[in-house]
Amino acid sequence: MVTALGPDPDGSGLLLRLWELAGDHGPCKVRLPPRLDVATAQPVDLRGKPQGHAIPVSKGAFRFECAAFAPASFRLQP
């Protein structure tokens, strides 16, 4: 479930917050709205601190490993 998509209050770009509600874990594909011009999705914690490497966005989509019943946040950069 998308819980937030908008300007990042802690930096530049957009902030995307997701929450896994079904209790499943594993690979997840995120498709972004076509109007967004995004090159990378940087995983961040709930305080906006980078977590690991930025994920390339290709054709408006990216993949990440989703944890069950957990949030996932990304800073989307052009």
PDB file of N, CA and C in Angstrom:
ATOM      1  N   MET A   1       0.844  -1.162   0.000  1.00  0.00           N
ATOM      2  CA  MET A   1       0.000   0.000   0.000  1.00  0.00           C
ATOM      3  C   MET A   1       0.901   1.241   0.000  1.00  0.00           C
ATOM      4  N   VAL A   2       0.562   2.219  -0.820  1.00  0.00           N
ATOM      5  CA  VAL A   2       1.272   3.494  -0.834  1.00  0.00           C
ATOM      6  C   VAL A   2       0.722   4.333   0.318  1.00  0.00           C
ATOM      7  N   THR A   3       1.612   4.776   1.212  1.00  0.00           N
ATOM      8  CA  THR A   3       1.179   5.617   2.325  1.00  0.00           C
ATOM      9  C   THR A   3       1.577   7.071   2.134  1.00  0.00           C
ATOM     10  N   ALA A   4       2.545   7.329   1.236  1.00  0.00           N
ATOM     11  CA  ALA A   4       2.939   8.712   0.944  1.00  0.00           C
ATOM     12  C   ALA A   4       3.666   8.765  -0.389  1.00  0.00           C
ATOM     13  N   LEU A   5       3.409   9.827  -1.130  1.00  0.00           N
ATOM     14  CA  LEU A   5       4.145  10.137  -2.355  1.00  0.00           C
ATOM     15  C   LEU A   5       4.075  11.645  -2.529  1.00  0.00           C
ATOM     16  N   GLY A   6       5.202  12.300  -2.294  1.00  0.00           N
ATOM     17  CA  GLY A   6       5.220  13.751  -2.399  1.00  0.00           C
ATOM     18  C   GLY A   6       6.613  14.297  -2.166  1.00  0.00           C
ATOM     19  N   PRO A   7       6.743  15.624  -2.101  1.00  0.00           N
ATOM     20  CA  PRO A   7       8.056  16.242  -1.875  1.00  0.00           C
ATOM     21  C   PRO A   7       8.703  15.712  -0.600  1.00  0.00           C
ATOM     22  N   ASP A   8      10.009  15.456  -0.693  1.00  0.00           N
ATOM     23  CA  ASP A   8      10.757  14.947   0.455  1.00  0.00           C
ATOM     24  C   ASP A   8      11.036  16.089   1.425  1.00  0.00           C
ATOM     25  N   PRO A   9      10.483  16.065   2.640  1.00  0.00           N
ATOM     26  CA  PRO A   9      10.712  17.160   3.591  1.00  0.00           C
ATOM     27  C   PRO A   9      12.152  17.221   4.104  1.00  0.00           C
ATOM     28  N   ASP A  10      12.923  16.131   3.919  1.00  0.00           N
ATOM     29  CA  ASP A  10      14.296  16.085   4.426  1.00  0.00           C
ATOM     30  C   ASP A  10      15.347  16.323   3.351  1.00  0.00           C
ATOM     31  N   GLY A  11      14.939  16.565   2.125  1.00  0.00           N
ATOM     32  CA  GLY A  11      15.922  16.749   1.060  1.00  0.00           C
ATOM     33  C   GLY A  11      15.249  17.007  -0.267  1.00  0.00           C
ATOM     34  N   SER A  12      15.999  16.783  -1.327  1.00  0.00           N
ATOM     35  CA  SER A  12      15.455  17.002  -2.661  1.00  0.00           C
ATOM     36  C   SER A  12      14.790  15.730  -3.176  1.00  0.00           C
ATOM     37  N   GLY A  13      14.015  15.869  -4.227  1.00  0.00           N
ATOM     38  CA  GLY A  13      13.336  14.721  -4.817  1.00  0.00           C
ATOM     39  C   GLY A  13      11.984  14.473  -4.181  1.00  0.00           C
ATOM     40  N   LEU A  14      11.467  13.303  -4.469  1.00  0.00           N
ATOM     41  CA  LEU A  14      10.170  12.880  -3.931  1.00  0.00           C
ATOM     42  C   LEU A  14      10.377  11.765  -2.922  1.00  0.00           C
ATOM     43  N   LEU A  15       9.475  11.665  -1.975  1.00  0.00           N
ATOM     44  CA  LEU A  15       9.512  10.589  -0.997  1.00  0.00           C
ATOM     45  C   LEU A  15       8.365   9.641  -1.282  1.00  0.00           C
ATOM     46  N   LEU A  16       8.690   8.354  -1.404  1.00  0.00           N
ATOM     47  CA  LEU A  16       7.693   7.302  -1.600  1.00  0.00           C
ATOM     48  C   LEU A  16       7.744   6.392  -0.388  1.00  0.00           C
ATOM     49  N   ARG A  17       6.604   6.236   0.280  1.00  0.00           N
ATOM     50  CA  ARG A  17       6.517   5.308   1.420  1.00  0.00           C
ATOM     51  C   ARG A  17       5.486   4.230   1.090  1.00  0.00           C
ATOM     52  N   LEU A  18       5.898   2.993   1.316  1.00  0.00           N
ATOM     53  CA  LEU A  18       5.043   1.830   1.074  1.00  0.00           C
ATOM     54  C   LEU A  18       4.907   1.055   2.375  1.00  0.00           C
ATOM     55  N   TRP A  19       3.833   0.255   2.477  1.00  0.00           N
ATOM     56  CA  TRP A  19       3.655  -0.609   3.644  1.00  0.00           C
ATOM     57  C   TRP A  19       3.105  -1.932   3.151  1.00  0.00           C
ATOM     58  N   GLU A  20       3.780  -3.028   3.505  1.00  0.00           N
ATOM     59  CA  GLU A  20       3.341  -4.369   3.115  1.00  0.00           C
ATOM     60  C   GLU A  20       2.319  -4.837   4.138  1.00  0.00           C
ATOM     61  N   LEU A  21       1.086  -5.079   3.705  1.00  0.00           N
ATOM     62  CA  LEU A  21      -0.011  -5.417   4.617  1.00  0.00           C
ATOM     63  C   LEU A  21      -0.450  -6.877   4.582  1.00  0.00           C
ATOM     64  N   ALA A  22      -0.021  -7.642   3.593  1.00  0.00           N
ATOM     65  CA  ALA A  22      -0.524  -9.010   3.408  1.00  0.00           C
ATOM     66  C   ALA A  22       0.282 -10.064   4.162  1.00  0.00           C
ATOM     67  N   GLY A  23       1.427  -9.698   4.710  1.00  0.00           N
ATOM     68  CA  GLY A  23       2.250 -10.670   5.420  1.00  0.00           C
ATOM     69  C   GLY A  23       3.167 -11.458   4.504  1.00  0.00           C
ATOM     70  N   ASP A  24       3.337 -10.996   3.270  1.00  0.00           N
ATOM     71  CA  ASP A  24       4.227 -11.664   2.315  1.00  0.00           C
ATOM     72  C   ASP A  24       5.584 -10.977   2.322  1.00  0.00           C
ATOM     73  N   HIS A  25       6.616 -11.745   1.998  1.00  0.00           N
ATOM     74  CA  HIS A  25       7.948 -11.173   1.839  1.00  0.00           C
ATOM     75  C   HIS A  25       8.533 -11.678   0.534  1.00  0.00           C
ATOM     76  N   GLY A  26       9.489 -10.948   0.010  1.00  0.00           N
ATOM     77  CA  GLY A  26      10.138 -11.343  -1.229  1.00  0.00           C
ATOM     78  C   GLY A  26      10.229 -10.188  -2.194  1.00  0.00           C
ATOM     79  N   PRO A  27      10.497 -10.499  -3.470  1.00  0.00           N
ATOM     80  CA  PRO A  27      10.672  -9.434  -4.450  1.00  0.00           C
ATOM     81  C   PRO A  27       9.375  -8.672  -4.699  1.00  0.00           C
ATOM     82  N   CYS A  28       9.514  -7.355  -4.849  1.00  0.00           N
ATOM     83  CA  CYS A  28       8.369  -6.492  -5.108  1.00  0.00           C
ATOM     84  C   CYS A  28       8.729  -5.554  -6.253  1.00  0.00           C
ATOM     85  N   LYS A  29       7.829  -5.401  -7.211  1.00  0.00           N
ATOM     86  CA  LYS A  29       8.036  -4.474  -8.321  1.00  0.00           C
ATOM     87  C   LYS A  29       7.138  -3.260  -8.105  1.00  0.00           C
ATOM     88  N   VAL A  30       7.741  -2.079  -8.176  1.00  0.00           N
ATOM     89  CA  VAL A  30       7.010  -0.825  -8.024  1.00  0.00           C
ATOM     90  C   VAL A  30       6.960  -0.157  -9.393  1.00  0.00           C
ATOM     91  N   ARG A  31       5.758   0.160  -9.845  1.00  0.00           N
ATOM     92  CA  ARG A  31       5.581   0.912 -11.093  1.00  0.00           C
ATOM     93  C   ARG A  31       5.144   2.324 -10.731  1.00  0.00           C
ATOM     94  N   LEU A  32       5.896   3.288 -11.209  1.00  0.00           N
ATOM     95  CA  LEU A  32       5.626   4.689 -10.892  1.00  0.00           C
ATOM     96  C   LEU A  32       4.695   5.307 -11.931  1.00  0.00           C
ATOM     97  N   PRO A  33       3.980   6.363 -11.559  1.00  0.00           N
ATOM     98  CA  PRO A  33       3.121   7.047 -12.530  1.00  0.00           C
ATOM     99  C   PRO A  33       3.946   7.532 -13.722  1.00  0.00           C
ATOM    100  N   PRO A  34       3.388   7.460 -14.921  1.00  0.00           N
ATOM    101  CA  PRO A  34       4.145   7.819 -16.128  1.00  0.00           C
ATOM    102  C   PRO A  34       4.676   9.254 -16.128  1.00  0.00           C
ATOM    103  N   ARG A  35       4.027  10.165 -15.442  1.00  0.00           N
ATOM    104  CA  ARG A  35       4.465  11.569 -15.466  1.00  0.00           C
ATOM    105  C   ARG A  35       5.726  11.821 -14.637  1.00  0.00           C
ATOM    106  N   LEU A  36       6.118  10.869 -13.802  1.00  0.00           N
ATOM    107  CA  LEU A  36       7.315  11.050 -12.982  1.00  0.00           C
ATOM    108  C   LEU A  36       8.561  10.670 -13.774  1.00  0.00           C
ATOM    109  N   ASP A  37       9.542  11.570 -13.794  1.00  0.00           N
ATOM    110  CA  ASP A  37      10.816  11.311 -14.453  1.00  0.00           C
ATOM    111  C   ASP A  37      11.821  10.955 -13.365  1.00  0.00           C
ATOM    112  N   VAL A  38      11.995   9.667 -13.111  1.00  0.00           N
ATOM    113  CA  VAL A  38      12.827   9.198 -12.004  1.00  0.00           C
ATOM    114  C   VAL A  38      13.930   8.293 -12.538  1.00  0.00           C
ATOM    115  N   ALA A  39      15.176   8.523 -12.074  1.00  0.00           N
ATOM    116  CA  ALA A  39      16.316   7.710 -12.483  1.00  0.00           C
ATOM    117  C   ALA A  39      16.698   6.690 -11.412  1.00  0.00           C
ATOM    118  N   THR A  40      16.570   7.094 -10.126  1.00  0.00           N
ATOM    119  CA  THR A  40      16.948   6.188  -9.034  1.00  0.00           C
ATOM    120  C   THR A  40      15.954   6.269  -7.887  1.00  0.00           C
ATOM    121  N   ALA A  41      15.889   5.174  -7.135  1.00  0.00           N
ATOM    122  CA  ALA A  41      15.095   5.093  -5.913  1.00  0.00           C
ATOM    123  C   ALA A  41      16.069   4.740  -4.785  1.00  0.00           C
ATOM    124  N   GLN A  42      16.371   5.706  -3.946  1.00  0.00           N
ATOM    125  CA  GLN A  42      17.296   5.494  -2.830  1.00  0.00           C
ATOM    126  C   GLN A  42      16.519   5.018  -1.614  1.00  0.00           C
ATOM    127  N   PRO A  43      16.766   3.779  -1.148  1.00  0.00           N
ATOM    128  CA  PRO A  43      16.099   3.343   0.084  1.00  0.00           C
ATOM    129  C   PRO A  43      16.522   4.240   1.252  1.00  0.00           C
ATOM    130  N   VAL A  44      15.552   4.635   2.065  1.00  0.00           N
ATOM    131  CA  VAL A  44      15.821   5.455   3.250  1.00  0.00           C
ATOM    132  C   VAL A  44      15.052   4.882   4.433  1.00  0.00           C
ATOM    133  N   ASP A  45      15.535   5.193   5.643  1.00  0.00           N
ATOM    134  CA  ASP A  45      14.795   4.775   6.825  1.00  0.00           C
ATOM    135  C   ASP A  45      13.674   5.781   7.091  1.00  0.00           C
ATOM    136  N   LEU A  46      12.940   5.589   8.171  1.00  0.00           N
ATOM    137  CA  LEU A  46      11.810   6.472   8.454  1.00  0.00           C
ATOM    138  C   LEU A  46      12.226   7.890   8.820  1.00  0.00           C
ATOM    139  N   ARG A  47      13.518   8.098   9.057  1.00  0.00           N
ATOM    140  CA  ARG A  47      14.039   9.439   9.333  1.00  0.00           C
ATOM    141  C   ARG A  47      14.682  10.069   8.098  1.00  0.00           C
ATOM    142  N   GLY A  48      14.637   9.365   6.964  1.00  0.00           N
ATOM    143  CA  GLY A  48      15.182   9.892   5.718  1.00  0.00           C
ATOM    144  C   GLY A  48      16.655   9.632   5.492  1.00  0.00           C
ATOM    145  N   LYS A  49      17.279   8.811   6.340  1.00  0.00           N
ATOM    146  CA  LYS A  49      18.702   8.493   6.191  1.00  0.00           C
ATOM    147  C   LYS A  49      18.866   7.377   5.164  1.00  0.00           C
ATOM    148  N   PRO A  50      19.809   7.529   4.200  1.00  0.00           N
ATOM    149  CA  PRO A  50      20.017   6.499   3.177  1.00  0.00           C
ATOM    150  C   PRO A  50      20.346   5.136   3.788  1.00  0.00           C
ATOM    151  N   GLN A  51      19.815   4.094   3.163  1.00  0.00           N
ATOM    152  CA  GLN A  51      20.027   2.715   3.602  1.00  0.00           C
ATOM    153  C   GLN A  51      20.460   1.897   2.383  1.00  0.00           C
ATOM    154  N   GLY A  52      21.746   1.663   2.245  1.00  0.00           N
ATOM    155  CA  GLY A  52      22.234   0.872   1.114  1.00  0.00           C
ATOM    156  C   GLY A  52      22.361   1.712  -0.151  1.00  0.00           C
ATOM    157  N   HIS A  53      22.445   1.015  -1.275  1.00  0.00           N
ATOM    158  CA  HIS A  53      22.671   1.637  -2.571  1.00  0.00           C
ATOM    159  C   HIS A  53      21.366   2.042  -3.238  1.00  0.00           C
ATOM    160  N   ALA A  54      21.442   3.075  -4.072  1.00  0.00           N
ATOM    161  CA  ALA A  54      20.295   3.509  -4.860  1.00  0.00           C
ATOM    162  C   ALA A  54      19.941   2.418  -5.882  1.00  0.00           C
ATOM    163  N   ILE A  55      18.659   2.274  -6.140  1.00  0.00           N
ATOM    164  CA  ILE A  55      18.154   1.275  -7.079  1.00  0.00           C
ATOM    165  C   ILE A  55      17.829   1.987  -8.393  1.00  0.00           C
ATOM    166  N   PRO A  56      18.365   1.500  -9.518  1.00  0.00           N
ATOM    167  CA  PRO A  56      18.039   2.123 -10.801  1.00  0.00           C
ATOM    168  C   PRO A  56      16.562   1.947 -11.144  1.00  0.00           C
ATOM    169  N   VAL A  57      15.973   2.987 -11.705  1.00  0.00           N
ATOM    170  CA  VAL A  57      14.589   2.927 -12.185  1.00  0.00           C
ATOM    171  C   VAL A  57      14.651   2.816 -13.702  1.00  0.00           C
ATOM    172  N   SER A  58      14.028   1.782 -14.242  1.00  0.00           N
ATOM    173  CA  SER A  58      14.034   1.542 -15.683  1.00  0.00           C
ATOM    174  C   SER A  58      12.600   1.446 -16.188  1.00  0.00           C
ATOM    175  N   LYS A  59      12.283   2.239 -17.195  1.00  0.00           N
ATOM    176  CA  LYS A  59      10.945   2.249 -17.784  1.00  0.00           C
ATOM    177  C   LYS A  59       9.874   2.506 -16.722  1.00  0.00           C
ATOM    178  N   GLY A  60      10.190   3.381 -15.771  1.00  0.00           N
ATOM    179  CA  GLY A  60       9.234   3.773 -14.749  1.00  0.00           C
ATOM    180  C   GLY A  60       8.980   2.746 -13.665  1.00  0.00           C
ATOM    181  N   ALA A  61       9.906   1.782 -13.484  1.00  0.00           N
ATOM    182  CA  ALA A  61       9.697   0.739 -12.478  1.00  0.00           C
ATOM    183  C   ALA A  61      11.026   0.347 -11.817  1.00  0.00           C
ATOM    184  N   PHE A  62      10.928  -0.178 -10.599  1.00  0.00           N
ATOM    185  CA  PHE A  62      12.095  -0.738  -9.914  1.00  0.00           C
ATOM    186  C   PHE A  62      11.642  -1.886  -9.026  1.00  0.00           C
ATOM    187  N   ARG A  63      12.605  -2.704  -8.617  1.00  0.00           N
ATOM    188  CA  ARG A  63      12.339  -3.864  -7.753  1.00  0.00           C
ATOM    189  C   ARG A  63      13.154  -3.759  -6.471  1.00  0.00           C
ATOM    190  N   PHE A  64      12.583  -4.307  -5.396  1.00  0.00           N
ATOM    191  CA  PHE A  64      13.296  -4.384  -4.124  1.00  0.00           C
ATOM    192  C   PHE A  64      12.769  -5.582  -3.349  1.00  0.00           C
ATOM    193  N   GLU A  65      13.494  -5.979  -2.321  1.00  0.00           N
ATOM    194  CA  GLU A  65      13.078  -7.079  -1.457  1.00  0.00           C
ATOM    195  C   GLU A  65      12.178  -6.526  -0.358  1.00  0.00           C
ATOM    196  N   CYS A  66      10.963  -6.984  -0.342  1.00  0.00           N
ATOM    197  CA  CYS A  66       9.939  -6.510   0.582  1.00  0.00           C
ATOM    198  C   CYS A  66       9.889  -7.412   1.818  1.00  0.00           C
ATOM    199  N   ALA A  67       9.794  -6.813   2.985  1.00  0.00           N
ATOM    200  CA  ALA A  67       9.646  -7.567   4.225  1.00  0.00           C
ATOM    201  C   ALA A  67       8.171  -7.615   4.624  1.00  0.00           C
ATOM    202  N   ALA A  68       7.762  -8.721   5.240  1.00  0.00           N
ATOM    203  CA  ALA A  68       6.365  -8.887   5.657  1.00  0.00           C
ATOM    204  C   ALA A  68       5.977  -7.872   6.723  1.00  0.00           C
ATOM    205  N   PHE A  69       4.773  -7.281   6.564  1.00  0.00           N
ATOM    206  CA  PHE A  69       4.212  -6.329   7.534  1.00  0.00           C
ATOM    207  C   PHE A  69       5.170  -5.180   7.862  1.00  0.00           C
ATOM    208  N   ALA A  70       5.934  -4.715   6.863  1.00  0.00           N
ATOM    209  CA  ALA A  70       6.959  -3.706   7.133  1.00  0.00           C
ATOM    210  C   ALA A  70       6.844  -2.515   6.191  1.00  0.00           C
ATOM    211  N   PRO A  71       7.337  -1.356   6.637  1.00  0.00           N
ATOM    212  CA  PRO A  71       7.382  -0.193   5.757  1.00  0.00           C
ATOM    213  C   PRO A  71       8.611  -0.259   4.849  1.00  0.00           C
ATOM    214  N   ALA A  72       8.529   0.455   3.751  1.00  0.00           N
ATOM    215  CA  ALA A  72       9.667   0.643   2.849  1.00  0.00           C
ATOM    216  C   ALA A  72       9.576   2.070   2.339  1.00  0.00           C
ATOM    217  N   SER A  73      10.667   2.808   2.451  1.00  0.00           N
ATOM    218  CA  SER A  73      10.676   4.209   2.025  1.00  0.00           C
ATOM    219  C   SER A  73      11.801   4.427   1.018  1.00  0.00           C
ATOM    220  N   PHE A  74      11.510   5.284   0.028  1.00  0.00           N
ATOM    221  CA  PHE A  74      12.485   5.558  -1.032  1.00  0.00           C
ATOM    222  C   PHE A  74      12.469   7.039  -1.355  1.00  0.00           C
ATOM    223  N   ARG A  75      13.676   7.599  -1.586  1.00  0.00           N
ATOM    224  CA  ARG A  75      13.811   8.958  -2.103  1.00  0.00           C
ATOM    225  C   ARG A  75      13.988   8.810  -3.617  1.00  0.00           C
ATOM    226  N   LEU A  76      13.030   9.331  -4.374  1.00  0.00           N
ATOM    227  CA  LEU A  76      13.052   9.232  -5.827  1.00  0.00           C
ATOM    228  C   LEU A  76      13.785  10.439  -6.391  1.00  0.00           C
ATOM    229  N   GLN A  77      14.808  10.168  -7.207  1.00  0.00           N
ATOM    230  CA  GLN A  77      15.629  11.240  -7.769  1.00  0.00           C
ATOM    231  C   GLN A  77      15.584  11.215  -9.297  1.00  0.00           C
ATOM    232  N   PRO A  78      15.552  12.405  -9.936  1.00  0.00           N
ATOM    233  CA  PRO A  78      15.562  12.459 -11.404  1.00  0.00           C
ATOM    234  C   PRO A  78      16.909  12.064 -11.978  1.00  0.00           C
TER     235      PRO A  78
END
